[in-house]
Structure formats: C-alpha cells, structure tokens
PDB file of N, CA and C in Angstrom:
ATOM      1  N   MET A   1       0.844  -1.185   0.000  1.00  0.00           N
ATOM      2  CA  MET A   1       0.000   0.000   0.000  1.00  0.00           C
ATOM      3  C   MET A   1       0.888   1.246   0.000  1.00  0.00           C
ATOM      4  N   GLY A   2       0.542   2.207  -0.810  1.00  0.00           N
ATOM      5  CA  GLY A   2       1.293   3.449  -0.865  1.00  0.00           C
ATOM      6  C   GLY A   2       0.974   4.345   0.298  1.00  0.00           C
ATOM      7  N   GLY A   3       1.500   5.546   0.237  1.00  0.00           N
ATOM      8  CA  GLY A   3       1.222   6.503   1.292  1.00  0.00           C
ATOM      9  C   GLY A   3       2.200   6.394   2.435  1.00  0.00           C
ATOM     10  N   MET A   4       1.768   6.895   3.561  1.00  0.00           N
ATOM     11  CA  MET A   4       2.651   7.075   4.701  1.00  0.00           C
ATOM     12  C   MET A   4       1.966   6.569   5.969  1.00  0.00           C
ATOM     13  N   VAL A   5       2.779   6.068   6.886  1.00  0.00           N
ATOM     14  CA  VAL A   5       2.277   5.676   8.201  1.00  0.00           C
ATOM     15  C   VAL A   5       2.624   6.793   9.179  1.00  0.00           C
ATOM     16  N   VAL A   6       1.623   7.215   9.943  1.00  0.00           N
ATOM     17  CA  VAL A   6       1.823   8.241  10.962  1.00  0.00           C
ATOM     18  C   VAL A   6       1.606   7.581  12.321  1.00  0.00           C
ATOM     19  N   LEU A   7       2.601   7.702  13.204  1.00  0.00           N
ATOM     20  CA  LEU A   7       2.462   7.211  14.576  1.00  0.00           C
ATOM     21  C   LEU A   7       2.179   8.403  15.480  1.00  0.00           C
ATOM     22  N   VAL A   8       1.108   8.296  16.249  1.00  0.00           N
ATOM     23  CA  VAL A   8       0.720   9.359  17.180  1.00  0.00           C
ATOM     24  C   VAL A   8       0.723   8.745  18.574  1.00  0.00           C
ATOM     25  N   SER A   9       1.614   9.238  19.439  1.00  0.00           N
ATOM     26  CA  SER A   9       1.777   8.670  20.781  1.00  0.00           C
ATOM     27  C   SER A   9       1.232   9.642  21.817  1.00  0.00           C
ATOM     28  N   TYR A  10       0.216   9.188  22.528  1.00  0.00           N
ATOM     29  CA  TYR A  10      -0.412   9.989  23.580  1.00  0.00           C
ATOM     30  C   TYR A  10       0.002   9.460  24.942  1.00  0.00           C
ATOM     31  N   ARG A  11       0.056  10.360  25.923  1.00  0.00           N
ATOM     32  CA  ARG A  11       0.146   9.955  27.321  1.00  0.00           C
ATOM     33  C   ARG A  11      -0.955  10.677  28.062  1.00  0.00           C
ATOM     34  N   SER A  12      -1.852   9.894  28.650  1.00  0.00           N
ATOM     35  CA  SER A  12      -2.941  10.500  29.408  1.00  0.00           C
ATOM     36  C   SER A  12      -2.478  10.813  30.829  1.00  0.00           C
ATOM     37  N   LEU A  13      -3.225  11.655  31.484  1.00  0.00           N
ATOM     38  CA  LEU A  13      -3.058  11.791  32.929  1.00  0.00           C
ATOM     39  C   LEU A  13      -3.390  10.439  33.548  1.00  0.00           C
ATOM     40  N   PRO A  14      -2.631   9.990  34.546  1.00  0.00           N
ATOM     41  CA  PRO A  14      -2.793   8.613  35.053  1.00  0.00           C
ATOM     42  C   PRO A  14      -4.225   8.262  35.444  1.00  0.00           C
ATOM     43  N   GLU A  15      -4.927   9.197  36.047  1.00  0.00           N
ATOM     44  CA  GLU A  15      -6.295   8.906  36.489  1.00  0.00           C
ATOM     45  C   GLU A  15      -7.318   9.011  35.360  1.00  0.00           C
ATOM     46  N   HIS A  16      -6.875   9.383  34.155  1.00  0.00           N
ATOM     47  CA  HIS A  16      -7.816   9.591  33.047  1.00  0.00           C
ATOM     48  C   HIS A  16      -7.537   8.676  31.853  1.00  0.00           C
ATOM     49  N   ALA A  17      -6.912   7.522  32.086  1.00  0.00           N
ATOM     50  CA  ALA A  17      -6.601   6.613  30.979  1.00  0.00           C
ATOM     51  C   ALA A  17      -7.875   6.153  30.275  1.00  0.00           C
ATOM     52  N   ASP A  18      -8.916   5.825  31.039  1.00  0.00           N
ATOM     53  CA  ASP A  18     -10.167   5.364  30.424  1.00  0.00           C
ATOM     54  C   ASP A  18     -10.817   6.473  29.606  1.00  0.00           C
ATOM     55  N   THR A  19     -10.818   7.687  30.149  1.00  0.00           N
ATOM     56  CA  THR A  19     -11.389   8.816  29.423  1.00  0.00           C
ATOM     57  C   THR A  19     -10.623   9.066  28.136  1.00  0.00           C
ATOM     58  N   ALA A  20      -9.305   9.029  28.209  1.00  0.00           N
ATOM     59  CA  ALA A  20      -8.491   9.265  27.022  1.00  0.00           C
ATOM     60  C   ALA A  20      -8.789   8.225  25.948  1.00  0.00           C
ATOM     61  N   ALA A  21      -8.845   6.955  26.328  1.00  0.00           N
ATOM     62  CA  ALA A  21      -9.128   5.901  25.354  1.00  0.00           C
ATOM     63  C   ALA A  21     -10.502   6.101  24.725  1.00  0.00           C
ATOM     64  N   ARG A  22     -11.481   6.479  25.534  1.00  0.00           N
ATOM     65  CA  ARG A  22     -12.833   6.702  25.018  1.00  0.00           C
ATOM     66  C   ARG A  22     -12.868   7.893  24.055  1.00  0.00           C
ATOM     67  N   GLU A  23     -12.247   9.002  24.450  1.00  0.00           N
ATOM     68  CA  GLU A  23     -12.285  10.220  23.629  1.00  0.00           C
ATOM     69  C   GLU A  23     -11.485  10.044  22.334  1.00  0.00           C
ATOM     70  N   ILE A  24     -10.325   9.401  22.421  1.00  0.00           N
ATOM     71  CA  ILE A  24      -9.529   9.164  21.221  1.00  0.00           C
ATOM     72  C   ILE A  24     -10.264   8.192  20.299  1.00  0.00           C
ATOM     73  N   GLY A  25     -10.894   7.178  20.878  1.00  0.00           N
ATOM     74  CA  GLY A  25     -11.683   6.244  20.066  1.00  0.00           C
ATOM     75  C   GLY A  25     -12.816   6.924  19.332  1.00  0.00           C
ATOM     76  N   ALA A  26     -13.481   7.856  20.003  1.00  0.00           N
ATOM     77  CA  ALA A  26     -14.565   8.597  19.354  1.00  0.00           C
ATOM     78  C   ALA A  26     -14.025   9.475  18.231  1.00  0.00           C
ATOM     79  N   LEU A  27     -12.855  10.072  18.462  1.00  0.00           N
ATOM     80  CA  LEU A  27     -12.243  10.899  17.423  1.00  0.00           C
ATOM     81  C   LEU A  27     -11.874  10.048  16.208  1.00  0.00           C
ATOM     82  N   ILE A  28     -11.321   8.862  16.436  1.00  0.00           N
ATOM     83  CA  ILE A  28     -10.974   7.970  15.334  1.00  0.00           C
ATOM     84  C   ILE A  28     -12.207   7.658  14.490  1.00  0.00           C
ATOM     85  N   ALA A  29     -13.326   7.345  15.147  1.00  0.00           N
ATOM     86  CA  ALA A  29     -14.557   7.033  14.410  1.00  0.00           C
ATOM     87  C   ALA A  29     -14.980   8.207  13.548  1.00  0.00           C
ATOM     88  N   THR A  30     -14.855   9.425  14.087  1.00  0.00           N
ATOM     89  CA  THR A  30     -15.223  10.620  13.331  1.00  0.00           C
ATOM     90  C   THR A  30     -14.301  10.814  12.133  1.00  0.00           C
ATOM     91  N   VAL A  31     -13.002  10.687  12.364  1.00  0.00           N
ATOM     92  CA  VAL A  31     -12.033  10.858  11.268  1.00  0.00           C
ATOM     93  C   VAL A  31     -12.324   9.855  10.155  1.00  0.00           C
ATOM     94  N   GLN A  32     -12.540   8.595  10.521  1.00  0.00           N
ATOM     95  CA  GLN A  32     -12.720   7.564   9.499  1.00  0.00           C
ATOM     96  C   GLN A  32     -14.037   7.724   8.758  1.00  0.00           C
ATOM     97  N   SER A  33     -15.031   8.366   9.381  1.00  0.00           N
ATOM     98  CA  SER A  33     -16.294   8.552   8.686  1.00  0.00           C
ATOM     99  C   SER A  33     -16.320   9.826   7.845  1.00  0.00           C
ATOM    100  N   LEU A  34     -15.545  10.842   8.227  1.00  0.00           N
ATOM    101  CA  LEU A  34     -15.618  12.138   7.552  1.00  0.00           C
ATOM    102  C   LEU A  34     -14.429  12.458   6.652  1.00  0.00           C
ATOM    103  N   GLU A  35     -13.331  11.724   6.798  1.00  0.00           N
ATOM    104  CA  GLU A  35     -12.127  12.044   6.023  1.00  0.00           C
ATOM    105  C   GLU A  35     -11.760  10.865   5.123  1.00  0.00           C
ATOM    106  N   PRO A  36     -12.250  10.883   3.883  1.00  0.00           N
ATOM    107  CA  PRO A  36     -12.053   9.721   3.010  1.00  0.00           C
ATOM    108  C   PRO A  36     -10.604   9.434   2.651  1.00  0.00           C
ATOM    109  N   CYS A  37      -9.713  10.423   2.762  1.00  0.00           N
ATOM    110  CA  CYS A  37      -8.315  10.141   2.395  1.00  0.00           C
ATOM    111  C   CYS A  37      -7.570   9.399   3.504  1.00  0.00           C
ATOM    112  N   CYS A  38      -8.163   9.275   4.685  1.00  0.00           N
ATOM    113  CA  CYS A  38      -7.543   8.482   5.748  1.00  0.00           C
ATOM    114  C   CYS A  38      -7.630   7.013   5.377  1.00  0.00           C
ATOM    115  N   GLY A  39      -6.477   6.329   5.390  1.00  0.00           N
ATOM    116  CA  GLY A  39      -6.436   4.927   4.996  1.00  0.00           C
ATOM    117  C   GLY A  39      -6.642   3.947   6.125  1.00  0.00           C
ATOM    118  N   GLY A  40      -6.992   4.450   7.311  1.00  0.00           N
ATOM    119  CA  GLY A  40      -7.245   3.576   8.441  1.00  0.00           C
ATOM    120  C   GLY A  40      -6.453   3.993   9.660  1.00  0.00           C
ATOM    121  N   ILE A  41      -7.006   3.711  10.836  1.00  0.00           N
ATOM    122  CA  ILE A  41      -6.362   4.042  12.101  1.00  0.00           C
ATOM    123  C   ILE A  41      -6.534   2.855  13.051  1.00  0.00           C
ATOM    124  N   THR A  42      -5.432   2.426  13.651  1.00  0.00           N
ATOM    125  CA  THR A  42      -5.461   1.397  14.690  1.00  0.00           C
ATOM    126  C   THR A  42      -5.022   2.043  15.994  1.00  0.00           C
ATOM    127  N   MET A  43      -5.795   1.838  17.060  1.00  0.00           N
ATOM    128  CA  MET A  43      -5.433   2.367  18.371  1.00  0.00           C
ATOM    129  C   MET A  43      -4.887   1.235  19.233  1.00  0.00           C
ATOM    130  N   LEU A  44      -3.722   1.470  19.834  1.00  0.00           N
ATOM    131  CA  LEU A  44      -3.089   0.506  20.736  1.00  0.00           C
ATOM    132  C   LEU A  44      -2.951   1.138  22.116  1.00  0.00           C
ATOM    133  N   GLN A  45      -3.221   0.338  23.157  1.00  0.00           N
ATOM    134  CA  GLN A  45      -3.037   0.805  24.532  1.00  0.00           C
ATOM    135  C   GLN A  45      -1.984  -0.079  25.187  1.00  0.00           C
ATOM    136  N   ASP A  46      -0.996   0.560  25.807  1.00  0.00           N
ATOM    137  CA  ASP A  46       0.116  -0.154  26.421  1.00  0.00           C
ATOM    138  C   ASP A  46      -0.410  -1.174  27.433  1.00  0.00           C
ATOM    139  N   ALA A  47       0.064  -2.415  27.331  1.00  0.00           N
ATOM    140  CA  ALA A  47      -0.423  -3.492  28.193  1.00  0.00           C
ATOM    141  C   ALA A  47      -0.011  -3.303  29.645  1.00  0.00           C
ATOM    142  N   ILE A  48       1.075  -2.588  29.882  1.00  0.00           N
ATOM    143  CA  ILE A  48       1.559  -2.391  31.248  1.00  0.00           C
ATOM    144  C   ILE A  48       1.173  -1.016  31.779  1.00  0.00           C
ATOM    145  N   ASP A  49       1.233  -0.018  30.919  1.00  0.00           N
ATOM    146  CA  ASP A  49       0.916   1.359  31.319  1.00  0.00           C
ATOM    147  C   ASP A  49      -0.242   1.883  30.475  1.00  0.00           C
ATOM    148  N   PRO A  50      -1.494   1.720  30.943  1.00  0.00           N
ATOM    149  CA  PRO A  50      -2.650   2.109  30.128  1.00  0.00           C
ATOM    150  C   PRO A  50      -2.744   3.607  29.846  1.00  0.00           C
ATOM    151  N   ALA A  51      -1.903   4.402  30.497  1.00  0.00           N
ATOM    152  CA  ALA A  51      -1.891   5.835  30.198  1.00  0.00           C
ATOM    153  C   ALA A  51      -1.220   6.118  28.849  1.00  0.00           C
ATOM    154  N   ARG A  52      -0.562   5.112  28.275  1.00  0.00           N
ATOM    155  CA  ARG A  52       0.106   5.286  26.973  1.00  0.00           C
ATOM    156  C   ARG A  52      -0.771   4.710  25.871  1.00  0.00           C
ATOM    157  N   ILE A  53      -1.107   5.544  24.902  1.00  0.00           N
ATOM    158  CA  ILE A  53      -1.932   5.147  23.761  1.00  0.00           C
ATOM    159  C   ILE A  53      -1.194   5.556  22.488  1.00  0.00           C
ATOM    160  N   THR A  54      -1.107   4.631  21.551  1.00  0.00           N
ATOM    161  CA  THR A  54      -0.459   4.915  20.270  1.00  0.00           C
ATOM    162  C   THR A  54      -1.445   4.649  19.148  1.00  0.00           C
ATOM    163  N   LEU A  55      -1.483   5.559  18.190  1.00  0.00           N
ATOM    164  CA  LEU A  55      -2.278   5.371  16.982  1.00  0.00           C
ATOM    165  C   LEU A  55      -1.349   5.077  15.820  1.00  0.00           C
ATOM    166  N   ILE A  56      -1.738   4.096  15.013  1.00  0.00           N
ATOM    167  CA  ILE A  56      -1.058   3.813  13.753  1.00  0.00           C
ATOM    168  C   ILE A  56      -2.030   4.237  12.662  1.00  0.00           C
ATOM    169  N   GLU A  57      -1.679   5.305  11.952  1.00  0.00           N
ATOM    170  CA  GLU A  57      -2.578   5.885  10.969  1.00  0.00           C
ATOM    171  C   GLU A  57      -1.954   5.793   9.576  1.00  0.00           C
ATOM    172  N   ARG A  58      -2.805   5.661   8.571  1.00  0.00           N
ATOM    173  CA  ARG A  58      -2.331   5.654   7.183  1.00  0.00           C
ATOM    174  C   ARG A  58      -2.918   6.856   6.456  1.00  0.00           C
ATOM    175  N   TRP A  59      -2.021   7.620   5.839  1.00  0.00           N
ATOM    176  CA  TRP A  59      -2.409   8.835   5.115  1.00  0.00           C
ATOM    177  C   TRP A  59      -1.673   8.871   3.781  1.00  0.00           C
ATOM    178  N   PRO A  60      -2.209   9.585   2.788  1.00  0.00           N
ATOM    179  CA  PRO A  60      -1.541   9.646   1.486  1.00  0.00           C
ATOM    180  C   PRO A  60      -0.161  10.296   1.567  1.00  0.00           C
ATOM    181  N   SER A  61      -0.001  11.263   2.486  1.00  0.00           N
ATOM    182  CA  SER A  61       1.264  12.001   2.579  1.00  0.00           C
ATOM    183  C   SER A  61       1.323  12.719   3.921  1.00  0.00           C
ATOM    184  N   GLN A  62       2.527  13.154   4.274  1.00  0.00           N
ATOM    185  CA  GLN A  62       2.707  13.970   5.477  1.00  0.00           C
ATOM    186  C   GLN A  62       1.914  15.269   5.341  1.00  0.00           C
ATOM    187  N   GLU A  63       1.879  15.814   4.116  1.00  0.00           N
ATOM    188  CA  GLU A  63       1.160  17.070   3.882  1.00  0.00           C
ATOM    189  C   GLU A  63      -0.336  16.909   4.117  1.00  0.00           C
ATOM    190  N   ALA A  64      -0.890  15.746   3.730  1.00  0.00           N
ATOM    191  CA  ALA A  64      -2.324  15.516   3.933  1.00  0.00           C
ATOM    192  C   ALA A  64      -2.656  15.477   5.424  1.00  0.00           C
ATOM    193  N   PHE A  65      -1.748  14.891   6.216  1.00  0.00           N
ATOM    194  CA  PHE A  65      -1.978  14.811   7.658  1.00  0.00           C
ATOM    195  C   PHE A  65      -1.845  16.179   8.312  1.00  0.00           C
ATOM    196  N   LEU A  66      -0.743  16.868   8.010  1.00  0.00           N
ATOM    197  CA  LEU A  66      -0.455  18.134   8.691  1.00  0.00           C
ATOM    198  C   LEU A  66      -1.325  19.280   8.180  1.00  0.00           C
ATOM    199  N   GLY A  67      -1.810  19.172   6.940  1.00  0.00           N
ATOM    200  CA  GLY A  67      -2.599  20.246   6.343  1.00  0.00           C
ATOM    201  C   GLY A  67      -4.082  20.054   6.576  1.00  0.00           C
ATOM    202  N   PRO A  68      -4.789  19.487   5.592  1.00  0.00           N
ATOM    203  CA  PRO A  68      -6.257  19.380   5.690  1.00  0.00           C
ATOM    204  C   PRO A  68      -6.747  18.643   6.937  1.00  0.00           C
ATOM    205  N   HIS A  69      -6.071  17.543   7.308  1.00  0.00           N
ATOM    206  CA  HIS A  69      -6.529  16.760   8.467  1.00  0.00           C
ATOM    207  C   HIS A  69      -6.484  17.591   9.748  1.00  0.00           C
ATOM    208  N   MET A  70      -5.368  18.261   9.991  1.00  0.00           N
ATOM    209  CA  MET A  70      -5.218  19.004  11.243  1.00  0.00           C
ATOM    210  C   MET A  70      -6.146  20.217  11.324  1.00  0.00           C
ATOM    211  N   GLN A  71      -6.664  20.668  10.176  1.00  0.00           N
ATOM    212  CA  GLN A  71      -7.568  21.827  10.177  1.00  0.00           C
ATOM    213  C   GLN A  71      -9.032  21.439  10.354  1.00  0.00           C
ATOM    214  N   GLN A  72      -9.323  20.145  10.369  1.00  0.00           N
ATOM    215  CA  GLN A  72     -10.720  19.709  10.503  1.00  0.00           C
ATOM    216  C   GLN A  72     -11.298  20.198  11.829  1.00  0.00           C
ATOM    217  N   PRO A  73     -12.562  20.614  11.819  1.00  0.00           N
ATOM    218  CA  PRO A  73     -13.177  21.078  13.082  1.00  0.00           C
ATOM    219  C   PRO A  73     -13.122  20.047  14.203  1.00  0.00           C
ATOM    220  N   HIS A  74     -13.294  18.765  13.877  1.00  0.00           N
ATOM    221  CA  HIS A  74     -13.258  17.746  14.940  1.00  0.00           C
ATOM    222  C   HIS A  74     -11.853  17.601  15.530  1.00  0.00           C
ATOM    223  N   ILE A  75     -10.819  17.829  14.732  1.00  0.00           N
ATOM    224  CA  ILE A  75      -9.452  17.781  15.269  1.00  0.00           C
ATOM    225  C   ILE A  75      -9.201  18.999  16.159  1.00  0.00           C
ATOM    226  N   GLN A  76      -9.598  20.163  15.690  1.00  0.00           N
ATOM    227  CA  GLN A  76      -9.406  21.379  16.475  1.00  0.00           C
ATOM    228  C   GLN A  76     -10.173  21.310  17.799  1.00  0.00           C
ATOM    229  N   ALA A  77     -11.376  20.765  17.773  1.00  0.00           N
ATOM    230  CA  ALA A  77     -12.171  20.631  19.001  1.00  0.00           C
ATOM    231  C   ALA A  77     -11.494  19.663  19.971  1.00  0.00           C
ATOM    232  N   PHE A  78     -10.937  18.557  19.437  1.00  0.00           N
ATOM    233  CA  PHE A  78     -10.241  17.593  20.287  1.00  0.00           C
ATOM    234  C   PHE A  78      -9.030  18.241  20.945  1.00  0.00           C
ATOM    235  N   ILE A  79      -8.254  19.002  20.164  1.00  0.00           N
ATOM    236  CA  ILE A  79      -7.068  19.663  20.715  1.00  0.00           C
ATOM    237  C   ILE A  79      -7.477  20.594  21.858  1.00  0.00           C
ATOM    238  N   GLN A  80      -8.580  21.302  21.687  1.00  0.00           N
ATOM    239  CA  GLN A  80      -9.029  22.240  22.724  1.00  0.00           C
ATOM    240  C   GLN A  80      -9.447  21.517  24.009  1.00  0.00           C
ATOM    241  N   SER A  81     -10.034  20.336  23.871  1.00  0.00           N
ATOM    242  CA  SER A  81     -10.560  19.632  25.051  1.00  0.00           C
ATOM    243  C   SER A  81      -9.561  18.666  25.679  1.00  0.00           C
ATOM    244  N   ALA A  82      -8.497  18.311  24.946  1.00  0.00           N
ATOM    245  CA  ALA A  82      -7.627  17.202  25.362  1.00  0.00           C
ATOM    246  C   ALA A  82      -6.826  17.502  26.618  1.00  0.00           C
ATOM    247  N   GLY A  83      -6.632  18.772  26.955  1.00  0.00           N
ATOM    248  CA  GLY A  83      -5.879  19.097  28.157  1.00  0.00           C
ATOM    249  C   GLY A  83      -6.511  18.571  29.422  1.00  0.00           C
ATOM    250  N   ALA A  84      -7.804  18.251  29.371  1.00  0.00           N
ATOM    251  CA  ALA A  84      -8.494  17.723  30.546  1.00  0.00           C
ATOM    252  C   ALA A  84      -8.091  16.285  30.861  1.00  0.00           C
ATOM    253  N   PHE A  85      -7.574  15.549  29.868  1.00  0.00           N
ATOM    254  CA  PHE A  85      -7.244  14.140  30.123  1.00  0.00           C
ATOM    255  C   PHE A  85      -5.868  13.719  29.605  1.00  0.00           C
ATOM    256  N   LEU A  86      -5.193  14.573  28.827  1.00  0.00           N
ATOM    257  CA  LEU A  86      -3.852  14.231  28.351  1.00  0.00           C
ATOM    258  C   LEU A  86      -2.795  14.967  29.154  1.00  0.00           C
ATOM    259  N   ALA A  87      -1.655  14.305  29.380  1.00  0.00           N
ATOM    260  CA  ALA A  87      -0.571  14.911  30.149  1.00  0.00           C
ATOM    261  C   ALA A  87       0.205  15.926  29.323  1.00  0.00           C
ATOM    262  N   ALA A  88       0.203  15.771  27.994  1.00  0.00           N
ATOM    263  CA  ALA A  88       0.981  16.638  27.103  1.00  0.00           C
ATOM    264  C   ALA A  88       0.460  16.450  25.687  1.00  0.00           C
ATOM    265  N   PRO A  89       0.832  17.336  24.768  1.00  0.00           N
ATOM    266  CA  PRO A  89       0.478  17.094  23.366  1.00  0.00           C
ATOM    267  C   PRO A  89       1.109  15.786  22.882  1.00  0.00           C
ATOM    268  N   PRO A  90       0.511  15.152  21.886  1.00  0.00           N
ATOM    269  CA  PRO A  90       1.065  13.881  21.409  1.00  0.00           C
ATOM    270  C   PRO A  90       2.379  14.069  20.673  1.00  0.00           C
ATOM    271  N   GLU A  91       3.152  12.990  20.642  1.00  0.00           N
ATOM    272  CA  GLU A  91       4.330  12.936  19.782  1.00  0.00           C
ATOM    273  C   GLU A  91       3.884  12.331  18.457  1.00  0.00           C
ATOM    274  N   ILE A  92       4.236  12.990  17.357  1.00  0.00           N
ATOM    275  CA  ILE A  92       3.814  12.549  16.031  1.00  0.00           C
ATOM    276  C   ILE A  92       5.057  12.287  15.192  1.00  0.00           C
ATOM    277  N   SER A  93       5.122  11.117  14.561  1.00  0.00           N
ATOM    278  CA  SER A  93       6.237  10.811  13.676  1.00  0.00           C
ATOM    279  C   SER A  93       5.695  10.207  12.384  1.00  0.00           C
ATOM    280  N   PHE A  94       6.473  10.362  11.319  1.00  0.00           N
ATOM    281  CA  PHE A  94       6.058   9.961   9.978  1.00  0.00           C
ATOM    282  C   PHE A  94       6.997   8.879   9.462  1.00  0.00           C
ATOM    283  N   TRP A  95       6.409   7.810   8.907  1.00  0.00           N
ATOM    284  CA  TRP A  95       7.163   6.629   8.516  1.00  0.00           C
ATOM    285  C   TRP A  95       6.784   6.204   7.101  1.00  0.00           C
ATOM    286  N   ASN A  96       7.784   5.843   6.305  1.00  0.00           N
ATOM    287  CA  ASN A  96       7.552   5.331   4.972  1.00  0.00           C
ATOM    288  C   ASN A  96       7.559   3.813   5.014  1.00  0.00           C
ATOM    289  N   PRO A  97       6.505   3.155   4.479  1.00  0.00           N
ATOM    290  CA  PRO A  97       6.558   1.696   4.365  1.00  0.00           C
ATOM    291  C   PRO A  97       7.719   1.277   3.466  1.00  0.00           C
ATOM    292  N   VAL A  98       8.372   0.185   3.814  1.00  0.00           N
ATOM    293  CA  VAL A  98       9.481  -0.330   3.019  1.00  0.00           C
ATOM    294  C   VAL A  98       8.951  -1.503   2.205  1.00  0.00           C
ATOM    295  N   SER A  99       8.970  -1.380   0.891  1.00  0.00           N
ATOM    296  CA  SER A  99       8.428  -2.438   0.046  1.00  0.00           C
ATOM    297  C   SER A  99       9.330  -3.666   0.121  1.00  0.00           C
ATOM    298  N   GLY A 100       8.699  -4.819   0.079  1.00  0.00           N
ATOM    299  CA  GLY A 100       9.440  -6.073   0.102  1.00  0.00           C
ATOM    300  C   GLY A 100       9.798  -6.547   1.496  1.00  0.00           C
ATOM    301  N   ALA A 101       9.510  -5.727   2.514  1.00  0.00           N
ATOM    302  CA  ALA A 101       9.869  -6.127   3.874  1.00  0.00           C
ATOM    303  C   ALA A 101       8.721  -6.881   4.506  1.00  0.00           C
TER     304      ALA A 101
END
C-alpha cells in the first residue's frame, strides 16, 4: 500500500486513561467517517501502562496529515478539550513503508 504511516503517541493523565481511550476512540470514528483520504487508524493501549496510547494511521502524505486533516473542526475541538485528560500534546512521527519487507 502506498502513502505514509503516521504514529501518534499519547500519554494521558494517570487517572484519566479510560477517558483518554474513550475520547480518542470517538475521534478515530469521526475521522474515518468524515475524512475519506484516511487509509485507516489502529489504536493501541500499552499493556503495562494504560496511560500510553499509540495510533497507527495511514495517510496519502505527510502534507495531507499536517494540512487538511489538522484543520478539521473535529481535530481542532479535540485539541481544545484534550488538556483535561492528556498529560501533554502527542508525539507525532512519519514513517515510509518499506516495500518487500
């Protein structure tokens, strides 16, 4: 599959791990229903530290993620509300799939 893999690593406030998982899950559902260029999102929760949540997202390009996606009203609303349950802004990294691997 072409495109790019985006890893988004969240750390929730320790007492808000359940809230973070619920809110991020709801955001994923919204993104996948409203943003057709998103190639899919998988949410992982650390088996030992549930305050750590990582998303594996597929996008056509880094520009598609940082540009149109980040400007969506649902993303902006999430950023505004996330301080109530996240310890810090997420770490975002961009990865190219290696063909043949």
